[in-house]
Amino acid sequence: PGRLLRREVISKAVWGDETPGRTIDIHIARLRRQLPQGAIETVVRLGYRLLLP
């Protein structure tokens, strides 16, 4: 929690060298629906930060 995860790191860890377009955005949106509001912070042009304790 609290650590910035860059989009590139997420993509490579999950899908390897192939970047799946907007797939990350779709999965983040689905996670946001399941987690409390504000649990995932978007850091513009960098990635995402999980804000849960």
PDB file of N, CA and C in Angstrom:
ATOM      1  N   PRO A   1       0.818  -1.204   0.000  1.00  0.00           N
ATOM      2  CA  PRO A   1       0.000   0.000   0.000  1.00  0.00           C
ATOM      3  C   PRO A   1       0.859   1.263   0.000  1.00  0.00           C
ATOM      4  N   GLY A   2       0.435   2.259  -0.751  1.00  0.00           N
ATOM      5  CA  GLY A   2       1.124   3.531  -0.813  1.00  0.00           C
ATOM      6  C   GLY A   2       2.235   3.601  -1.844  1.00  0.00           C
ATOM      7  N   ARG A   3       2.646   2.468  -2.374  1.00  0.00           N
ATOM      8  CA  ARG A   3       3.738   2.447  -3.354  1.00  0.00           C
ATOM      9  C   ARG A   3       3.183   2.707  -4.750  1.00  0.00           C
ATOM     10  N   LEU A   4       3.853   3.548  -5.505  1.00  0.00           N
ATOM     11  CA  LEU A   4       3.446   3.841  -6.874  1.00  0.00           C
ATOM     12  C   LEU A   4       3.802   2.669  -7.776  1.00  0.00           C
ATOM     13  N   LEU A   5       2.826   2.195  -8.529  1.00  0.00           N
ATOM     14  CA  LEU A   5       3.066   1.151  -9.522  1.00  0.00           C
ATOM     15  C   LEU A   5       2.897   1.769 -10.898  1.00  0.00           C
ATOM     16  N   ARG A   6       3.982   1.818 -11.633  1.00  0.00           N
ATOM     17  CA  ARG A   6       3.940   2.391 -12.979  1.00  0.00           C
ATOM     18  C   ARG A   6       3.154   1.473 -13.906  1.00  0.00           C
ATOM     19  N   ARG A   7       2.452   2.069 -14.846  1.00  0.00           N
ATOM     20  CA  ARG A   7       1.660   1.305 -15.813  1.00  0.00           C
ATOM     21  C   ARG A   7       2.518   0.280 -16.550  1.00  0.00           C
ATOM     22  N   GLU A   8       3.740   0.676 -16.894  1.00  0.00           N
ATOM     23  CA  GLU A   8       4.629  -0.225 -17.630  1.00  0.00           C
ATOM     24  C   GLU A   8       4.991  -1.456 -16.804  1.00  0.00           C
ATOM     25  N   VAL A   9       5.200  -1.260 -15.510  1.00  0.00           N
ATOM     26  CA  VAL A   9       5.551  -2.368 -14.618  1.00  0.00           C
ATOM     27  C   VAL A   9       4.371  -3.323 -14.486  1.00  0.00           C
ATOM     28  N   ILE A  10       3.169  -2.775 -14.317  1.00  0.00           N
ATOM     29  CA  ILE A  10       1.966  -3.616 -14.225  1.00  0.00           C
ATOM     30  C   ILE A  10       1.804  -4.415 -15.507  1.00  0.00           C
ATOM     31  N   SER A  11       1.909  -3.744 -16.636  1.00  0.00           N
ATOM     32  CA  SER A  11       1.727  -4.401 -17.929  1.00  0.00           C
ATOM     33  C   SER A  11       2.727  -5.533 -18.135  1.00  0.00           C
ATOM     34  N   LYS A  12       3.989  -5.262 -17.858  1.00  0.00           N
ATOM     35  CA  LYS A  12       5.025  -6.280 -18.069  1.00  0.00           C
ATOM     36  C   LYS A  12       4.854  -7.457 -17.108  1.00  0.00           C
ATOM     37  N   ALA A  13       4.476  -7.183 -15.861  1.00  0.00           N
ATOM     38  CA  ALA A  13       4.302  -8.248 -14.872  1.00  0.00           C
ATOM     39  C   ALA A  13       3.133  -9.163 -15.220  1.00  0.00           C
ATOM     40  N   VAL A  14       2.083  -8.595 -15.799  1.00  0.00           N
ATOM     41  CA  VAL A  14       0.880  -9.382 -16.081  1.00  0.00           C
ATOM     42  C   VAL A  14       0.890  -9.967 -17.487  1.00  0.00           C
ATOM     43  N   TRP A  15       1.277  -9.171 -18.489  1.00  0.00           N
ATOM     44  CA  TRP A  15       1.158  -9.602 -19.879  1.00  0.00           C
ATOM     45  C   TRP A  15       2.492  -9.780 -20.598  1.00  0.00           C
ATOM     46  N   GLY A  16       3.599  -9.568 -19.912  1.00  0.00           N
ATOM     47  CA  GLY A  16       4.901  -9.704 -20.568  1.00  0.00           C
ATOM     48  C   GLY A  16       5.198  -8.520 -21.465  1.00  0.00           C
ATOM     49  N   ASP A  17       5.808  -8.781 -22.596  1.00  0.00           N
ATOM     50  CA  ASP A  17       6.231  -7.699 -23.485  1.00  0.00           C
ATOM     51  C   ASP A  17       5.112  -7.122 -24.343  1.00  0.00           C
ATOM     52  N   GLU A  18       3.976  -7.782 -24.406  1.00  0.00           N
ATOM     53  CA  GLU A  18       2.858  -7.279 -25.211  1.00  0.00           C
ATOM     54  C   GLU A  18       2.001  -6.338 -24.377  1.00  0.00           C
ATOM     55  N   THR A  19       1.877  -5.096 -24.820  1.00  0.00           N
ATOM     56  CA  THR A  19       1.029  -4.133 -24.129  1.00  0.00           C
ATOM     57  C   THR A  19      -0.383  -4.241 -24.692  1.00  0.00           C
ATOM     58  N   PRO A  20      -1.353  -4.532 -23.854  1.00  0.00           N
ATOM     59  CA  PRO A  20      -2.708  -4.815 -24.318  1.00  0.00           C
ATOM     60  C   PRO A  20      -3.610  -3.597 -24.506  1.00  0.00           C
ATOM     61  N   GLY A  21      -3.104  -2.456 -24.877  1.00  0.00           N
ATOM     62  CA  GLY A  21      -3.946  -1.281 -25.099  1.00  0.00           C
ATOM     63  C   GLY A  21      -4.540  -0.757 -23.804  1.00  0.00           C
ATOM     64  N   ARG A  22      -5.852  -0.679 -23.744  1.00  0.00           N
ATOM     65  CA  ARG A  22      -6.536  -0.116 -22.579  1.00  0.00           C
ATOM     66  C   ARG A  22      -6.942  -1.172 -21.554  1.00  0.00           C
ATOM     67  N   THR A  23      -6.392  -2.350 -21.657  1.00  0.00           N
ATOM     68  CA  THR A  23      -6.749  -3.425 -20.739  1.00  0.00           C
ATOM     69  C   THR A  23      -6.467  -3.048 -19.288  1.00  0.00           C
ATOM     70  N   ILE A  24      -5.365  -2.371 -19.034  1.00  0.00           N
ATOM     71  CA  ILE A  24      -5.047  -1.952 -17.663  1.00  0.00           C
ATOM     72  C   ILE A  24      -6.146  -1.041 -17.137  1.00  0.00           C
ATOM     73  N   ASP A  25      -6.589  -0.084 -17.958  1.00  0.00           N
ATOM     74  CA  ASP A  25      -7.645   0.845 -17.544  1.00  0.00           C
ATOM     75  C   ASP A  25      -8.922   0.096 -17.172  1.00  0.00           C
ATOM     76  N   ILE A  26      -9.265  -0.897 -17.961  1.00  0.00           N
ATOM     77  CA  ILE A  26     -10.481  -1.674 -17.712  1.00  0.00           C
ATOM     78  C   ILE A  26     -10.367  -2.433 -16.392  1.00  0.00           C
ATOM     79  N   HIS A  27      -9.220  -3.054 -16.157  1.00  0.00           N
ATOM     80  CA  HIS A  27      -9.035  -3.814 -14.919  1.00  0.00           C
ATOM     81  C   HIS A  27      -8.996  -2.902 -13.693  1.00  0.00           C
ATOM     82  N   ILE A  28      -8.373  -1.746 -13.808  1.00  0.00           N
ATOM     83  CA  ILE A  28      -8.357  -0.788 -12.697  1.00  0.00           C
ATOM     84  C   ILE A  28      -9.781  -0.333 -12.391  1.00  0.00           C
ATOM     85  N   ALA A  29     -10.574  -0.069 -13.418  1.00  0.00           N
ATOM     86  CA  ALA A  29     -11.968   0.340 -13.212  1.00  0.00           C
ATOM     87  C   ALA A  29     -12.748  -0.749 -12.481  1.00  0.00           C
ATOM     88  N   ARG A  30     -12.531  -2.001 -12.851  1.00  0.00           N
ATOM     89  CA  ARG A  30     -13.215  -3.115 -12.181  1.00  0.00           C
ATOM     90  C   ARG A  30     -12.774  -3.241 -10.727  1.00  0.00           C
ATOM     91  N   LEU A  31     -11.484  -3.060 -10.478  1.00  0.00           N
ATOM     92  CA  LEU A  31     -10.995  -3.098  -9.100  1.00  0.00           C
ATOM     93  C   LEU A  31     -11.609  -1.973  -8.271  1.00  0.00           C
ATOM     94  N   ARG A  32     -11.715  -0.786  -8.859  1.00  0.00           N
ATOM     95  CA  ARG A  32     -12.298   0.354  -8.138  1.00  0.00           C
ATOM     96  C   ARG A  32     -13.742   0.086  -7.721  1.00  0.00           C
ATOM     97  N   ARG A  33     -14.478  -0.648  -8.530  1.00  0.00           N
ATOM     98  CA  ARG A  33     -15.864  -0.981  -8.176  1.00  0.00           C
ATOM     99  C   ARG A  33     -15.932  -1.929  -6.985  1.00  0.00           C
ATOM    100  N   GLN A  34     -14.903  -2.743  -6.793  1.00  0.00           N
ATOM    101  CA  GLN A  34     -14.893  -3.739  -5.721  1.00  0.00           C
ATOM    102  C   GLN A  34     -14.292  -3.210  -4.409  1.00  0.00           C
ATOM    103  N   LEU A  35     -13.456  -2.179  -4.505  1.00  0.00           N
ATOM    104  CA  LEU A  35     -12.769  -1.634  -3.338  1.00  0.00           C
ATOM    105  C   LEU A  35     -13.482  -0.382  -2.837  1.00  0.00           C
ATOM    106  N   PRO A  36     -13.196   0.029  -1.592  1.00  0.00           N
ATOM    107  CA  PRO A  36     -13.790   1.276  -1.090  1.00  0.00           C
ATOM    108  C   PRO A  36     -13.395   2.466  -1.967  1.00  0.00           C
ATOM    109  N   GLN A  37     -14.274   3.464  -2.010  1.00  0.00           N
ATOM    110  CA  GLN A  37     -14.014   4.652  -2.822  1.00  0.00           C
ATOM    111  C   GLN A  37     -12.697   5.299  -2.396  1.00  0.00           C
ATOM    112  N   GLY A  38     -11.885   5.680  -3.361  1.00  0.00           N
ATOM    113  CA  GLY A  38     -10.613   6.334  -3.093  1.00  0.00           C
ATOM    114  C   GLY A  38      -9.473   5.386  -2.770  1.00  0.00           C
ATOM    115  N   ALA A  39      -9.697   4.083  -2.886  1.00  0.00           N
ATOM    116  CA  ALA A  39      -8.663   3.102  -2.535  1.00  0.00           C
ATOM    117  C   ALA A  39      -7.531   3.055  -3.556  1.00  0.00           C
ATOM    118  N   ILE A  40      -7.825   3.426  -4.804  1.00  0.00           N
ATOM    119  CA  ILE A  40      -6.798   3.440  -5.848  1.00  0.00           C
ATOM    120  C   ILE A  40      -6.665   4.870  -6.358  1.00  0.00           C
ATOM    121  N   GLU A  41      -5.471   5.412  -6.233  1.00  0.00           N
ATOM    122  CA  GLU A  41      -5.194   6.769  -6.705  1.00  0.00           C
ATOM    123  C   GLU A  41      -4.502   6.694  -8.062  1.00  0.00           C
ATOM    124  N   THR A  42      -4.968   7.498  -9.006  1.00  0.00           N
ATOM    125  CA  THR A  42      -4.296   7.616 -10.295  1.00  0.00           C
ATOM    126  C   THR A  42      -3.247   8.710 -10.186  1.00  0.00           C
ATOM    127  N   VAL A  43      -2.015   8.388 -10.531  1.00  0.00           N
ATOM    128  CA  VAL A  43      -0.942   9.373 -10.583  1.00  0.00           C
ATOM    129  C   VAL A  43      -0.740   9.651 -12.070  1.00  0.00           C
ATOM    130  N   VAL A  44      -1.193  10.815 -12.500  1.00  0.00           N
ATOM    131  CA  VAL A  44      -1.246  11.153 -13.919  1.00  0.00           C
ATOM    132  C   VAL A  44       0.102  10.923 -14.604  1.00  0.00           C
ATOM    133  N   ARG A  45       0.034  10.247 -15.745  1.00  0.00           N
ATOM    134  CA  ARG A  45       1.185   9.924 -16.605  1.00  0.00           C
ATOM    135  C   ARG A  45       2.208   8.991 -15.962  1.00  0.00           C
ATOM    136  N   LEU A  46       1.901   8.450 -14.791  1.00  0.00           N
ATOM    137  CA  LEU A  46       2.850   7.549 -14.137  1.00  0.00           C
ATOM    138  C   LEU A  46       2.252   6.177 -13.872  1.00  0.00           C
ATOM    139  N   GLY A  47       1.168   6.136 -13.102  1.00  0.00           N
ATOM    140  CA  GLY A  47       0.599   4.834 -12.759  1.00  0.00           C
ATOM    141  C   GLY A  47      -0.465   4.954 -11.691  1.00  0.00           C
ATOM    142  N   TYR A  48      -0.437   4.000 -10.754  1.00  0.00           N
ATOM    143  CA  TYR A  48      -1.481   3.918  -9.738  1.00  0.00           C
ATOM    144  C   TYR A  48      -0.864   3.669  -8.375  1.00  0.00           C
ATOM    145  N   ARG A  49      -1.603   4.092  -7.333  1.00  0.00           N
ATOM    146  CA  ARG A  49      -1.168   3.882  -5.957  1.00  0.00           C
ATOM    147  C   ARG A  49      -2.356   3.337  -5.171  1.00  0.00           C
ATOM    148  N   LEU A  50      -2.136   2.243  -4.442  1.00  0.00           N
ATOM    149  CA  LEU A  50      -3.161   1.655  -3.589  1.00  0.00           C
ATOM    150  C   LEU A  50      -3.092   2.345  -2.237  1.00  0.00           C
ATOM    151  N   LEU A  51      -4.219   2.878  -1.773  1.00  0.00           N
ATOM    152  CA  LEU A  51      -4.231   3.671  -0.546  1.00  0.00           C
ATOM    153  C   LEU A  51      -4.873   2.956   0.634  1.00  0.00           C
ATOM    154  N   LEU A  52      -5.106   1.674   0.518  1.00  0.00           N
ATOM    155  CA  LEU A  52      -5.660   0.917   1.641  1.00  0.00           C
ATOM    156  C   LEU A  52      -4.586   0.691   2.701  1.00  0.00           C
ATOM    157  N   PRO A  53      -5.000   0.621   3.995  1.00  0.00           N
ATOM    158  CA  PRO A  53      -4.013   0.369   5.063  1.00  0.00           C
ATOM    159  C   PRO A  53      -3.448  -1.036   5.011  1.00  0.00           C
TER     160      PRO A  53
END
